[in-house]
Amino acid sequence: MQSPYGELKVFAGSANRQFARKVVECLGTKLGEGEAVIYPEGNTFVRILENVRGRDVYIIQGVSYPVNDNLVELLFWLDAFKLASAAQVTAVIPFFSYAKGDKKDEPRVSIRARVCADCIEAAGADRVLTMDLHSPQIQGFFRRPVDHLYAMPIICDYIRSKQIPDLVVASPDVGFGKQAVKYAELLGAPVAIGSKERTSEANVRIWTVIGDVKDKNVLIVDDIAFTGKSLIEMARAVLEKGAREVYAAVTHGVLTPGAAEALANSPIRELVITDTVEYRFEPLPPNVTVVSVAPLFAEAIRSIHERTSISRLFPARITRA
């Protein structure tokens, strides 16, 4: 089907070049030509090296470390494509780090996710394609269409392939409990929930575990792992309750300095992450497995370009309220 917005063109920003190559390979096309330069004094410069007039353009640029540099680069790419007369520009953001700043939960703070949404729109994004926002309601910060993908089907396919017996799906806290239930439904497993308290930015405590994990193999699920401490403390908590083996799965494996060693020395047998985050502070430990969501992004881009439904990419139980 020929798009009314012209030929499909996919470009890569600095944050997700390898990921973008996987996406275009799935699409059977090639990356658009462009360059991004950071000058010695810190200025960011981007330039499109081919004609995009009248094209349907997708710029793949996550907001991951270095977060502010990558956000500004994304804004400059969007502006450049609009000034170059692209027909439609979609910001493809595999990981949106500022999604953590989704509310005013203490006095005199910024709602960072909403500020970033305003900037992305002002720079020229006609729509946004992203994955597993920390809070799905962040889509409401945008006045442009937002297509919100879920890594859950990809992760569940991998977990099924391992044929883990007596599986229980667990969330480290109530906040991710609803998503844990959806994981459990896809995997045909019961659910357990942790009662988590963050005593400081660097310290986490699991007070108790609600649900039966005795003599079970537990899969802990969450959306983001920064230090990995929530996963590790939850793993210890379920083992104290009599669990046999512990696995974990998160969409965005940021894994800040020290996380690799902590995970390697943890009771987690295997942590599954996706390839939405490309930058690595440290080499991944041997108990971390990366699964690719690039084919899912490729199918979503194809659907946007051909004006077909994206919801067809998900099992119905994921998208229902």
C-alpha atoms as a PDB file:
ATOM      1  CA  MET A   1       0.000   0.000   0.000  1.00  0.00           C
ATOM      2  CA  GLN A   2       1.376   3.390  -1.006  1.00  0.00           C
ATOM      3  CA  SER A   3       1.414   5.864   1.859  1.00  0.00           C
ATOM      4  CA  PRO A   4      -0.080   9.329   1.221  1.00  0.00           C
ATOM      5  CA  TYR A   5       3.037  10.624   3.011  1.00  0.00           C
ATOM      6  CA  GLY A   6       5.455   9.279   0.440  1.00  0.00           C
ATOM      7  CA  GLU A   7       8.437   6.962   0.670  1.00  0.00           C
ATOM      8  CA  LEU A   8       9.408   5.555   4.085  1.00  0.00           C
ATOM      9  CA  LYS A   9      12.781   6.790   5.360  1.00  0.00           C
ATOM     10  CA  VAL A  10      14.366   5.630   8.649  1.00  0.00           C
ATOM     11  CA  PHE A  11      17.229   7.555  10.266  1.00  0.00           C
ATOM     12  CA  ALA A  12      19.339   6.761  13.329  1.00  0.00           C
ATOM     13  CA  GLY A  13      20.389   9.153  16.055  1.00  0.00           C
ATOM     14  CA  SER A  14      23.476   8.605  18.197  1.00  0.00           C
ATOM     15  CA  ALA A  15      21.643   6.737  20.973  1.00  0.00           C
ATOM     16  CA  ASN A  16      20.387   3.729  18.983  1.00  0.00           C
ATOM     17  CA  ARG A  17      22.474   3.156  15.866  1.00  0.00           C
ATOM     18  CA  GLN A  18      22.756  -0.632  16.273  1.00  0.00           C
ATOM     19  CA  PHE A  19      19.079  -0.910  17.124  1.00  0.00           C
ATOM     20  CA  ALA A  20      18.142   1.174  14.079  1.00  0.00           C
ATOM     21  CA  ARG A  21      20.196  -1.140  11.831  1.00  0.00           C
ATOM     22  CA  LYS A  22      18.188  -4.106  13.116  1.00  0.00           C
ATOM     23  CA  VAL A  23      14.937  -2.243  12.464  1.00  0.00           C
ATOM     24  CA  VAL A  24      15.737  -1.392   8.843  1.00  0.00           C
ATOM     25  CA  GLU A  25      16.969  -4.943   8.257  1.00  0.00           C
ATOM     26  CA  CYS A  26      13.534  -6.172   9.357  1.00  0.00           C
ATOM     27  CA  LEU A  27      11.895  -3.588   7.077  1.00  0.00           C
ATOM     28  CA  GLY A  28      14.030  -4.618   4.107  1.00  0.00           C
ATOM     29  CA  THR A  29      15.357  -1.101   3.586  1.00  0.00           C
ATOM     30  CA  LYS A  30      18.456   0.885   4.563  1.00  0.00           C
ATOM     31  CA  LEU A  31      19.187   3.679   6.990  1.00  0.00           C
ATOM     32  CA  GLY A  32      18.906   7.232   5.771  1.00  0.00           C
ATOM     33  CA  GLU A  33      22.109   9.251   5.531  1.00  0.00           C
ATOM     34  CA  GLY A  34      22.742  11.746   8.297  1.00  0.00           C
ATOM     35  CA  GLU A  35      25.338  12.804  10.829  1.00  0.00           C
ATOM     36  CA  ALA A  36      25.445  14.079  14.387  1.00  0.00           C
ATOM     37  CA  VAL A  37      28.460  15.876  15.826  1.00  0.00           C
ATOM     38  CA  ILE A  38      29.198  17.135  19.329  1.00  0.00           C
ATOM     39  CA  TYR A  39      31.690  19.986  19.152  1.00  0.00           C
ATOM     40  CA  PRO A  40      34.476  20.361  21.762  1.00  0.00           C
ATOM     41  CA  GLU A  41      32.584  23.084  23.627  1.00  0.00           C
ATOM     42  CA  GLY A  42      29.516  20.818  23.930  1.00  0.00           C
ATOM     43  CA  ASN A  43      27.280  22.045  21.082  1.00  0.00           C
ATOM     44  CA  THR A  44      25.302  19.386  19.203  1.00  0.00           C
ATOM     45  CA  PHE A  45      25.006  19.600  15.414  1.00  0.00           C
ATOM     46  CA  VAL A  46      22.904  17.351  13.155  1.00  0.00           C
ATOM     47  CA  ARG A  47      22.671  17.271   9.370  1.00  0.00           C
ATOM     48  CA  ILE A  48      20.521  15.267   6.943  1.00  0.00           C
ATOM     49  CA  LEU A  49      22.611  14.078   4.000  1.00  0.00           C
ATOM     50  CA  GLU A  50      19.825  13.201   1.568  1.00  0.00           C
ATOM     51  CA  ASN A  51      16.529  14.554   0.253  1.00  0.00           C
ATOM     52  CA  VAL A  52      13.525  13.962   2.541  1.00  0.00           C
ATOM     53  CA  ARG A  53      11.051  16.367   0.921  1.00  0.00           C
ATOM     54  CA  GLY A  54       7.600  14.768   0.949  1.00  0.00           C
ATOM     55  CA  ARG A  55       8.886  11.618   2.707  1.00  0.00           C
ATOM     56  CA  ASP A  56       7.465   9.730   5.692  1.00  0.00           C
ATOM     57  CA  VAL A  57      10.422  10.023   8.105  1.00  0.00           C
ATOM     58  CA  TYR A  58      11.207   8.017  11.263  1.00  0.00           C
ATOM     59  CA  ILE A  59      14.064   9.130  13.502  1.00  0.00           C
ATOM     60  CA  ILE A  60      15.155   6.438  15.982  1.00  0.00           C
ATOM     61  CA  GLN A  61      16.681   8.189  18.979  1.00  0.00           C
ATOM     62  CA  GLY A  62      16.232   7.017  22.558  1.00  0.00           C
ATOM     63  CA  VAL A  63      16.446   9.354  25.528  1.00  0.00           C
ATOM     64  CA  SER A  64      19.076   7.338  27.412  1.00  0.00           C
ATOM     65  CA  TYR A  65      22.583   8.093  28.720  1.00  0.00           C
ATOM     66  CA  PRO A  66      23.827  10.753  28.141  1.00  0.00           C
ATOM     67  CA  VAL A  67      20.202  11.695  28.651  1.00  0.00           C
ATOM     68  CA  ASN A  68      20.296  15.446  28.053  1.00  0.00           C
ATOM     69  CA  ASP A  69      22.608  15.203  25.031  1.00  0.00           C
ATOM     70  CA  ASN A  70      20.383  12.569  23.446  1.00  0.00           C
ATOM     71  CA  LEU A  71      17.200  14.525  24.157  1.00  0.00           C
ATOM     72  CA  VAL A  72      18.634  17.691  22.579  1.00  0.00           C
ATOM     73  CA  GLU A  73      19.883  15.696  19.594  1.00  0.00           C
ATOM     74  CA  LEU A  74      16.376  14.278  19.099  1.00  0.00           C
ATOM     75  CA  LEU A  75      14.916  17.795  19.133  1.00  0.00           C
ATOM     76  CA  PHE A  76      17.435  18.983  16.550  1.00  0.00           C
ATOM     77  CA  TRP A  77      16.716  16.006  14.276  1.00  0.00           C
ATOM     78  CA  LEU A  78      12.980  16.714  14.431  1.00  0.00           C
ATOM     79  CA  ASP A  79      13.537  20.373  13.580  1.00  0.00           C
ATOM     80  CA  ALA A  80      15.902  19.504  10.734  1.00  0.00           C
ATOM     81  CA  PHE A  81      13.399  17.116   9.128  1.00  0.00           C
ATOM     82  CA  LYS A  82      10.564  19.633   9.349  1.00  0.00           C
ATOM     83  CA  LEU A  83      12.756  22.361   7.845  1.00  0.00           C
ATOM     84  CA  ALA A  84      13.722  19.914   5.077  1.00  0.00           C
ATOM     85  CA  SER A  85      10.007  19.564   4.205  1.00  0.00           C
ATOM     86  CA  ALA A  86       9.443  15.962   5.317  1.00  0.00           C
ATOM     87  CA  ALA A  87       5.730  15.153   4.983  1.00  0.00           C
ATOM     88  CA  GLN A  88       5.450  13.424   8.364  1.00  0.00           C
ATOM     89  CA  VAL A  89       8.066  12.977  11.099  1.00  0.00           C
ATOM     90  CA  THR A  90       7.758  10.252  13.743  1.00  0.00           C
ATOM     91  CA  ALA A  91       9.987  10.315  16.824  1.00  0.00           C
ATOM     92  CA  VAL A  92      10.868   6.684  17.575  1.00  0.00           C
ATOM     93  CA  ILE A  93      11.994   6.644  21.213  1.00  0.00           C
ATOM     94  CA  PRO A  94      12.818   3.083  22.334  1.00  0.00           C
ATOM     95  CA  PHE A  95      13.541   4.281  25.893  1.00  0.00           C
ATOM     96  CA  PHE A  96      12.250   7.573  27.303  1.00  0.00           C
ATOM     97  CA  SER A  97      14.298   8.064  30.486  1.00  0.00           C
ATOM     98  CA  TYR A  98      12.454  11.174  31.629  1.00  0.00           C
ATOM     99  CA  ALA A  99       9.257   9.112  31.854  1.00  0.00           C
ATOM    100  CA  LYS A 100      10.298   8.596  35.490  1.00  0.00           C
ATOM    101  CA  GLY A 101       9.442  12.273  36.089  1.00  0.00           C
ATOM    102  CA  ASP A 102       5.725  11.810  35.482  1.00  0.00           C
ATOM    103  CA  LYS A 103       4.235  13.564  38.526  1.00  0.00           C
ATOM    104  CA  LYS A 104       4.705  16.324  41.095  1.00  0.00           C
ATOM    105  CA  ASP A 105       5.247  14.038  44.084  1.00  0.00           C
ATOM    106  CA  GLU A 106       7.058  16.585  46.265  1.00  0.00           C
ATOM    107  CA  PRO A 107       7.015  20.387  46.557  1.00  0.00           C
ATOM    108  CA  ARG A 108       8.690  22.659  44.006  1.00  0.00           C
ATOM    109  CA  VAL A 109       9.702  20.024  41.444  1.00  0.00           C
ATOM    110  CA  SER A 110       9.266  19.856  37.686  1.00  0.00           C
ATOM    111  CA  ILE A 111       7.062  17.326  35.917  1.00  0.00           C
ATOM    112  CA  ARG A 112       9.941  16.476  33.607  1.00  0.00           C
ATOM    113  CA  ALA A 113       8.122  14.039  31.328  1.00  0.00           C
ATOM    114  CA  ARG A 114       5.515  16.676  30.463  1.00  0.00           C
ATOM    115  CA  VAL A 115       8.204  19.315  29.767  1.00  0.00           C
ATOM    116  CA  CYS A 116       9.995  16.879  27.442  1.00  0.00           C
ATOM    117  CA  ALA A 117       6.717  16.049  25.683  1.00  0.00           C
ATOM    118  CA  ASP A 118       6.124  19.755  25.053  1.00  0.00           C
ATOM    119  CA  CYS A 119       9.634  20.118  23.621  1.00  0.00           C
ATOM    120  CA  ILE A 120       9.287  17.102  21.322  1.00  0.00           C
ATOM    121  CA  GLU A 121       6.038  18.477  19.932  1.00  0.00           C
ATOM    122  CA  ALA A 122       7.410  21.992  19.563  1.00  0.00           C
ATOM    123  CA  ALA A 123      10.451  20.674  17.673  1.00  0.00           C
ATOM    124  CA  GLY A 124       8.222  19.120  15.038  1.00  0.00           C
ATOM    125  CA  ALA A 125       7.180  15.541  15.895  1.00  0.00           C
ATOM    126  CA  ASP A 126       3.924  14.595  14.167  1.00  0.00           C
ATOM    127  CA  ARG A 127       3.676  11.408  16.227  1.00  0.00           C
ATOM    128  CA  VAL A 128       5.673   9.388  18.753  1.00  0.00           C
ATOM    129  CA  LEU A 129       6.471   5.671  18.826  1.00  0.00           C
ATOM    130  CA  THR A 130       7.840   4.376  22.122  1.00  0.00           C
ATOM    131  CA  MET A 131       7.912   1.339  24.412  1.00  0.00           C
ATOM    132  CA  ASP A 132       6.883   0.610  27.998  1.00  0.00           C
ATOM    133  CA  LEU A 133       6.637   4.101  29.408  1.00  0.00           C
ATOM    134  CA  HIS A 134       7.086   4.138  33.184  1.00  0.00           C
ATOM    135  CA  SER A 135       3.479   5.347  33.414  1.00  0.00           C
ATOM    136  CA  PRO A 136       1.166   4.778  30.423  1.00  0.00           C
ATOM    137  CA  GLN A 137      -0.694   8.017  31.215  1.00  0.00           C
ATOM    138  CA  ILE A 138       2.379   9.914  29.978  1.00  0.00           C
ATOM    139  CA  GLN A 139       0.782   9.474  26.551  1.00  0.00           C
ATOM    140  CA  GLY A 140      -1.657  12.143  27.737  1.00  0.00           C
ATOM    141  CA  PHE A 141       1.197  14.664  28.040  1.00  0.00           C
ATOM    142  CA  PHE A 142       1.375  14.679  24.221  1.00  0.00           C
ATOM    143  CA  ARG A 143      -1.194  16.328  21.982  1.00  0.00           C
ATOM    144  CA  ARG A 144       0.161  14.305  19.050  1.00  0.00           C
ATOM    145  CA  PRO A 145      -0.611  10.597  18.520  1.00  0.00           C
ATOM    146  CA  VAL A 146       1.506   8.255  20.655  1.00  0.00           C
ATOM    147  CA  ASP A 147       1.915   4.588  19.737  1.00  0.00           C
ATOM    148  CA  HIS A 148       2.888   2.716  22.897  1.00  0.00           C
ATOM    149  CA  LEU A 149       4.519  -0.687  22.359  1.00  0.00           C
ATOM    150  CA  TYR A 150       4.920  -3.445  24.948  1.00  0.00           C
ATOM    151  CA  ALA A 151       7.919  -5.750  25.262  1.00  0.00           C
ATOM    152  CA  MET A 152       5.809  -8.255  27.169  1.00  0.00           C
ATOM    153  CA  PRO A 153       5.017 -10.587  24.220  1.00  0.00           C
ATOM    154  CA  ILE A 154       8.710 -10.807  23.230  1.00  0.00           C
ATOM    155  CA  ILE A 155       9.834 -11.471  26.804  1.00  0.00           C
ATOM    156  CA  CYS A 156       7.084 -14.038  27.388  1.00  0.00           C
ATOM    157  CA  ASP A 157       8.036 -15.911  24.209  1.00  0.00           C
ATOM    158  CA  TYR A 158      11.596 -16.196  25.531  1.00  0.00           C
ATOM    159  CA  ILE A 159      10.461 -17.321  28.989  1.00  0.00           C
ATOM    160  CA  ARG A 160       8.160 -19.958  27.458  1.00  0.00           C
ATOM    161  CA  SER A 161      11.087 -21.327  25.454  1.00  0.00           C
ATOM    162  CA  LYS A 162      12.883 -22.082  28.721  1.00  0.00           C
ATOM    163  CA  GLN A 163       9.987 -24.286  29.903  1.00  0.00           C
ATOM    164  CA  ILE A 164      10.425 -23.299  33.561  1.00  0.00           C
ATOM    165  CA  PRO A 165       8.223 -25.539  35.740  1.00  0.00           C
ATOM    166  CA  ASP A 166       6.079 -24.337  38.663  1.00  0.00           C
ATOM    167  CA  LEU A 167       6.429 -20.704  37.584  1.00  0.00           C
ATOM    168  CA  VAL A 168       5.137 -17.750  39.610  1.00  0.00           C
ATOM    169  CA  VAL A 169       5.275 -14.182  38.252  1.00  0.00           C
ATOM    170  CA  ALA A 170       6.206 -11.558  40.843  1.00  0.00           C
ATOM    171  CA  SER A 171       6.339  -7.768  40.965  1.00  0.00           C
ATOM    172  CA  PRO A 172       8.697  -5.993  43.414  1.00  0.00           C
ATOM    173  CA  ASP A 173       5.925  -3.522  44.283  1.00  0.00           C
ATOM    174  CA  VAL A 174       2.243  -2.778  43.928  1.00  0.00           C
ATOM    175  CA  GLY A 175       2.958  -0.152  41.242  1.00  0.00           C
ATOM    176  CA  PHE A 176       3.891  -2.768  38.658  1.00  0.00           C
ATOM    177  CA  GLY A 177       1.347  -5.275  39.951  1.00  0.00           C
ATOM    178  CA  LYS A 178      -1.167  -4.727  37.163  1.00  0.00           C
ATOM    179  CA  GLN A 179       1.456  -5.416  34.521  1.00  0.00           C
ATOM    180  CA  ALA A 180       2.654  -8.465  36.477  1.00  0.00           C
ATOM    181  CA  VAL A 181      -0.882  -9.843  36.266  1.00  0.00           C
ATOM    182  CA  LYS A 182      -0.776  -9.472  32.473  1.00  0.00           C
ATOM    183  CA  TYR A 183       2.575 -11.293  32.344  1.00  0.00           C
ATOM    184  CA  ALA A 184       1.048 -14.036  34.480  1.00  0.00           C
ATOM    185  CA  GLU A 185      -1.971 -14.361  32.190  1.00  0.00           C
ATOM    186  CA  LEU A 186       0.248 -14.734  29.118  1.00  0.00           C
ATOM    187  CA  LEU A 187       2.417 -17.323  30.896  1.00  0.00           C
ATOM    188  CA  GLY A 188      -0.443 -19.149  32.620  1.00  0.00           C
ATOM    189  CA  ALA A 189       1.077 -18.582  36.056  1.00  0.00           C
ATOM    190  CA  PRO A 190      -0.052 -17.220  39.452  1.00  0.00           C
ATOM    191  CA  VAL A 191       1.113 -13.850  40.806  1.00  0.00           C
ATOM    192  CA  ALA A 192       3.008 -12.641  43.864  1.00  0.00           C
ATOM    193  CA  ILE A 193       3.509  -9.003  44.888  1.00  0.00           C
ATOM    194  CA  GLY A 194       6.269  -7.466  46.985  1.00  0.00           C
ATOM    195  CA  SER A 195       5.771  -4.655  49.485  1.00  0.00           C
ATOM    196  CA  LYS A 196       8.681  -2.339  48.641  1.00  0.00           C
ATOM    197  CA  GLU A 197      10.019   0.655  50.487  1.00  0.00           C
ATOM    198  CA  ARG A 198      12.714   2.893  49.024  1.00  0.00           C
ATOM    199  CA  THR A 199      14.576   4.170  52.067  1.00  0.00           C
ATOM    200  CA  SER A 200      16.843   6.316  49.888  1.00  0.00           C
ATOM    201  CA  GLU A 201      17.722   6.693  46.208  1.00  0.00           C
ATOM    202  CA  ALA A 202      20.245   3.870  46.590  1.00  0.00           C
ATOM    203  CA  ASN A 203      18.512   1.588  49.099  1.00  0.00           C
ATOM    204  CA  VAL A 204      15.466  -0.633  48.738  1.00  0.00           C
ATOM    205  CA  ARG A 205      13.716  -2.879  51.246  1.00  0.00           C
ATOM    206  CA  ILE A 206      11.086  -5.551  50.549  1.00  0.00           C
ATOM    207  CA  TRP A 207       8.943  -5.767  53.687  1.00  0.00           C
ATOM    208  CA  THR A 208       6.956  -8.834  52.717  1.00  0.00           C
ATOM    209  CA  VAL A 209       5.774 -10.939  49.779  1.00  0.00           C
ATOM    210  CA  ILE A 210       2.074 -11.441  49.143  1.00  0.00           C
ATOM    211  CA  GLY A 211       1.416 -14.757  47.398  1.00  0.00           C
ATOM    212  CA  ASP A 212       2.610 -18.343  47.492  1.00  0.00           C
ATOM    213  CA  VAL A 213       6.194 -18.808  46.257  1.00  0.00           C
ATOM    214  CA  LYS A 214       7.235 -21.799  48.375  1.00  0.00           C
ATOM    215  CA  ASP A 215       8.837 -24.511  46.217  1.00  0.00           C
ATOM    216  CA  LYS A 216       8.145 -22.389  43.115  1.00  0.00           C
ATOM    217  CA  ASN A 217      10.376 -20.879  40.436  1.00  0.00           C
ATOM    218  CA  VAL A 218       9.813 -17.114  40.460  1.00  0.00           C
ATOM    219  CA  LEU A 219       9.987 -14.649  37.550  1.00  0.00           C
ATOM    220  CA  ILE A 220      10.311 -11.061  38.805  1.00  0.00           C
ATOM    221  CA  VAL A 221       9.091  -8.508  36.247  1.00  0.00           C
ATOM    222  CA  ASP A 222       9.484  -4.725  36.052  1.00  0.00           C
ATOM    223  CA  ASP A 223       9.755  -1.998  33.429  1.00  0.00           C
ATOM    224  CA  ILE A 224      13.213  -0.504  34.182  1.00  0.00           C
ATOM    225  CA  ALA A 225      16.343  -1.653  36.005  1.00  0.00           C
ATOM    226  CA  PHE A 226      18.739   1.137  36.965  1.00  0.00           C
ATOM    227  CA  THR A 227      20.780  -0.252  39.870  1.00  0.00           C
ATOM    228  CA  GLY A 228      19.012  -3.629  39.908  1.00  0.00           C
ATOM    229  CA  LYS A 229      18.463  -3.358  43.668  1.00  0.00           C
ATOM    230  CA  SER A 230      14.679  -3.785  43.526  1.00  0.00           C
ATOM    231  CA  LEU A 231      15.107  -7.027  41.583  1.00  0.00           C
ATOM    232  CA  ILE A 232      17.880  -8.283  43.862  1.00  0.00           C
ATOM    233  CA  GLU A 233      16.025  -7.510  47.104  1.00  0.00           C
ATOM    234  CA  MET A 234      12.847  -9.103  45.740  1.00  0.00           C
ATOM    235  CA  ALA A 235      14.865 -12.177  44.761  1.00  0.00           C
ATOM    236  CA  ARG A 236      16.203 -12.467  48.298  1.00  0.00           C
ATOM    237  CA  ALA A 237      12.710 -11.986  49.738  1.00  0.00           C
ATOM    238  CA  VAL A 238      11.123 -14.796  47.699  1.00  0.00           C
ATOM    239  CA  LEU A 239      14.024 -17.132  48.475  1.00  0.00           C
ATOM    240  CA  GLU A 240      13.438 -16.473  52.179  1.00  0.00           C
ATOM    241  CA  LYS A 241       9.819 -17.512  51.545  1.00  0.00           C
ATOM    242  CA  GLY A 242      10.994 -20.841  50.130  1.00  0.00           C
ATOM    243  CA  ALA A 243      11.286 -20.212  46.370  1.00  0.00           C
ATOM    244  CA  ARG A 244      13.575 -22.576  44.451  1.00  0.00           C
ATOM    245  CA  GLU A 245      15.085 -20.473  41.633  1.00  0.00           C
ATOM    246  CA  VAL A 246      14.657 -16.817  40.702  1.00  0.00           C
ATOM    247  CA  TYR A 247      14.573 -15.263  37.242  1.00  0.00           C
ATOM    248  CA  ALA A 248      13.885 -11.637  36.309  1.00  0.00           C
ATOM    249  CA  ALA A 249      12.797  -9.693  33.228  1.00  0.00           C
ATOM    250  CA  VAL A 250      12.661  -5.960  32.526  1.00  0.00           C
ATOM    251  CA  THR A 251      12.144  -4.002  29.330  1.00  0.00           C
ATOM    252  CA  HIS A 252      14.778  -1.295  29.806  1.00  0.00           C
ATOM    253  CA  GLY A 253      18.064  -2.519  31.252  1.00  0.00           C
ATOM    254  CA  VAL A 254      19.855   0.762  31.984  1.00  0.00           C
ATOM    255  CA  LEU A 255      22.173  -0.875  34.580  1.00  0.00           C
ATOM    256  CA  THR A 256      24.113   2.033  36.045  1.00  0.00           C
ATOM    257  CA  PRO A 257      27.697   1.668  37.372  1.00  0.00           C
ATOM    258  CA  GLY A 258      27.906  -1.139  39.925  1.00  0.00           C
ATOM    259  CA  ALA A 259      24.747  -2.889  38.705  1.00  0.00           C
ATOM    260  CA  ALA A 260      26.628  -5.498  36.669  1.00  0.00           C
ATOM    261  CA  GLU A 261      28.655  -6.698  39.653  1.00  0.00           C
ATOM    262  CA  ALA A 262      25.623  -6.619  41.947  1.00  0.00           C
ATOM    263  CA  LEU A 263      23.597  -8.717  39.508  1.00  0.00           C
ATOM    264  CA  ALA A 264      26.455 -11.152  38.906  1.00  0.00           C
ATOM    265  CA  ASN A 265      26.685 -11.768  42.659  1.00  0.00           C
ATOM    266  CA  SER A 266      22.925 -11.878  43.185  1.00  0.00           C
ATOM    267  CA  PRO A 267      20.660 -14.927  43.539  1.00  0.00           C
ATOM    268  CA  ILE A 268      19.025 -14.096  40.176  1.00  0.00           C
ATOM    269  CA  ARG A 269      19.742 -17.031  37.879  1.00  0.00           C
ATOM    270  CA  GLU A 270      18.981 -15.033  34.713  1.00  0.00           C
ATOM    271  CA  LEU A 271      17.887 -11.473  33.998  1.00  0.00           C
ATOM    272  CA  VAL A 272      16.218 -10.880  30.630  1.00  0.00           C
ATOM    273  CA  ILE A 273      16.374  -7.349  29.164  1.00  0.00           C
ATOM    274  CA  THR A 274      15.648  -5.919  25.718  1.00  0.00           C
ATOM    275  CA  ASP A 275      17.872  -3.901  23.384  1.00  0.00           C
ATOM    276  CA  THR A 276      16.056  -0.564  23.822  1.00  0.00           C
ATOM    277  CA  VAL A 277      19.070   0.838  25.699  1.00  0.00           C
ATOM    278  CA  GLU A 278      22.329   0.721  23.759  1.00  0.00           C
ATOM    279  CA  TYR A 279      24.820   2.484  26.023  1.00  0.00           C
ATOM    280  CA  ARG A 280      26.613   0.234  28.519  1.00  0.00           C
ATOM    281  CA  PHE A 281      28.350   1.681  31.582  1.00  0.00           C
ATOM    282  CA  GLU A 282      29.957  -1.750  32.120  1.00  0.00           C
ATOM    283  CA  PRO A 283      29.991  -5.096  30.279  1.00  0.00           C
ATOM    284  CA  LEU A 284      26.880  -7.142  30.972  1.00  0.00           C
ATOM    285  CA  PRO A 285      27.354  -9.956  33.502  1.00  0.00           C
ATOM    286  CA  PRO A 286      26.968 -13.568  32.326  1.00  0.00           C
ATOM    287  CA  ASN A 287      23.521 -13.954  33.905  1.00  0.00           C
ATOM    288  CA  VAL A 288      21.994 -11.194  31.722  1.00  0.00           C
ATOM    289  CA  THR A 289      20.320 -12.116  28.409  1.00  0.00           C
ATOM    290  CA  VAL A 290      19.313  -9.545  25.780  1.00  0.00           C
ATOM    291  CA  VAL A 291      16.305 -10.166  23.528  1.00  0.00           C
ATOM    292  CA  SER A 292      15.566  -7.864  20.603  1.00  0.00           C
ATOM    293  CA  VAL A 293      12.392  -5.824  20.191  1.00  0.00           C
ATOM    294  CA  ALA A 294      13.601  -4.377  16.866  1.00  0.00           C
ATOM    295  CA  PRO A 295      11.225  -6.629  14.850  1.00  0.00           C
ATOM    296  CA  LEU A 296       8.295  -5.265  16.881  1.00  0.00           C
ATOM    297  CA  PHE A 297       9.342  -1.662  16.214  1.00  0.00           C
ATOM    298  CA  ALA A 298       9.782  -2.510  12.524  1.00  0.00           C
ATOM    299  CA  GLU A 299       6.239  -3.893  12.324  1.00  0.00           C
ATOM    300  CA  ALA A 300       4.905  -0.813  14.124  1.00  0.00           C
ATOM    301  CA  ILE A 301       6.715   1.502  11.695  1.00  0.00           C
ATOM    302  CA  ARG A 302       5.344  -0.496   8.774  1.00  0.00           C
ATOM    303  CA  SER A 303       1.816  -0.218  10.219  1.00  0.00           C
ATOM    304  CA  ILE A 304       2.120   3.552  10.738  1.00  0.00           C
ATOM    305  CA  HIS A 305       3.439   3.989   7.203  1.00  0.00           C
ATOM    306  CA  GLU A 306       0.721   1.811   5.640  1.00  0.00           C
ATOM    307  CA  ARG A 307      -2.033   3.222   7.894  1.00  0.00           C
ATOM    308  CA  THR A 308      -2.958  -0.136   9.426  1.00  0.00           C
ATOM    309  CA  SER A 309      -3.681  -0.996  13.063  1.00  0.00           C
ATOM    310  CA  ILE A 310      -0.817  -1.314  15.550  1.00  0.00           C
ATOM    311  CA  SER A 311      -3.000  -2.948  18.209  1.00  0.00           C
ATOM    312  CA  ARG A 312      -2.931  -6.119  16.103  1.00  0.00           C
ATOM    313  CA  LEU A 313       0.647  -6.599  17.324  1.00  0.00           C
ATOM    314  CA  PHE A 314      -0.491  -7.362  20.883  1.00  0.00           C
ATOM    315  CA  PRO A 315      -2.546 -10.087  22.543  1.00  0.00           C
ATOM    316  CA  ALA A 316      -5.905  -8.635  23.598  1.00  0.00           C
ATOM    317  CA  ARG A 317      -5.195  -9.155  27.316  1.00  0.00           C
ATOM    318  CA  ILE A 318      -2.265  -6.696  27.160  1.00  0.00           C
ATOM    319  CA  THR A 319      -4.258  -3.738  25.882  1.00  0.00           C
ATOM    320  CA  ARG A 320      -7.453  -4.211  27.854  1.00  0.00           C
ATOM    321  CA  ALA A 321      -8.077  -2.044  30.902  1.00  0.00           C
END
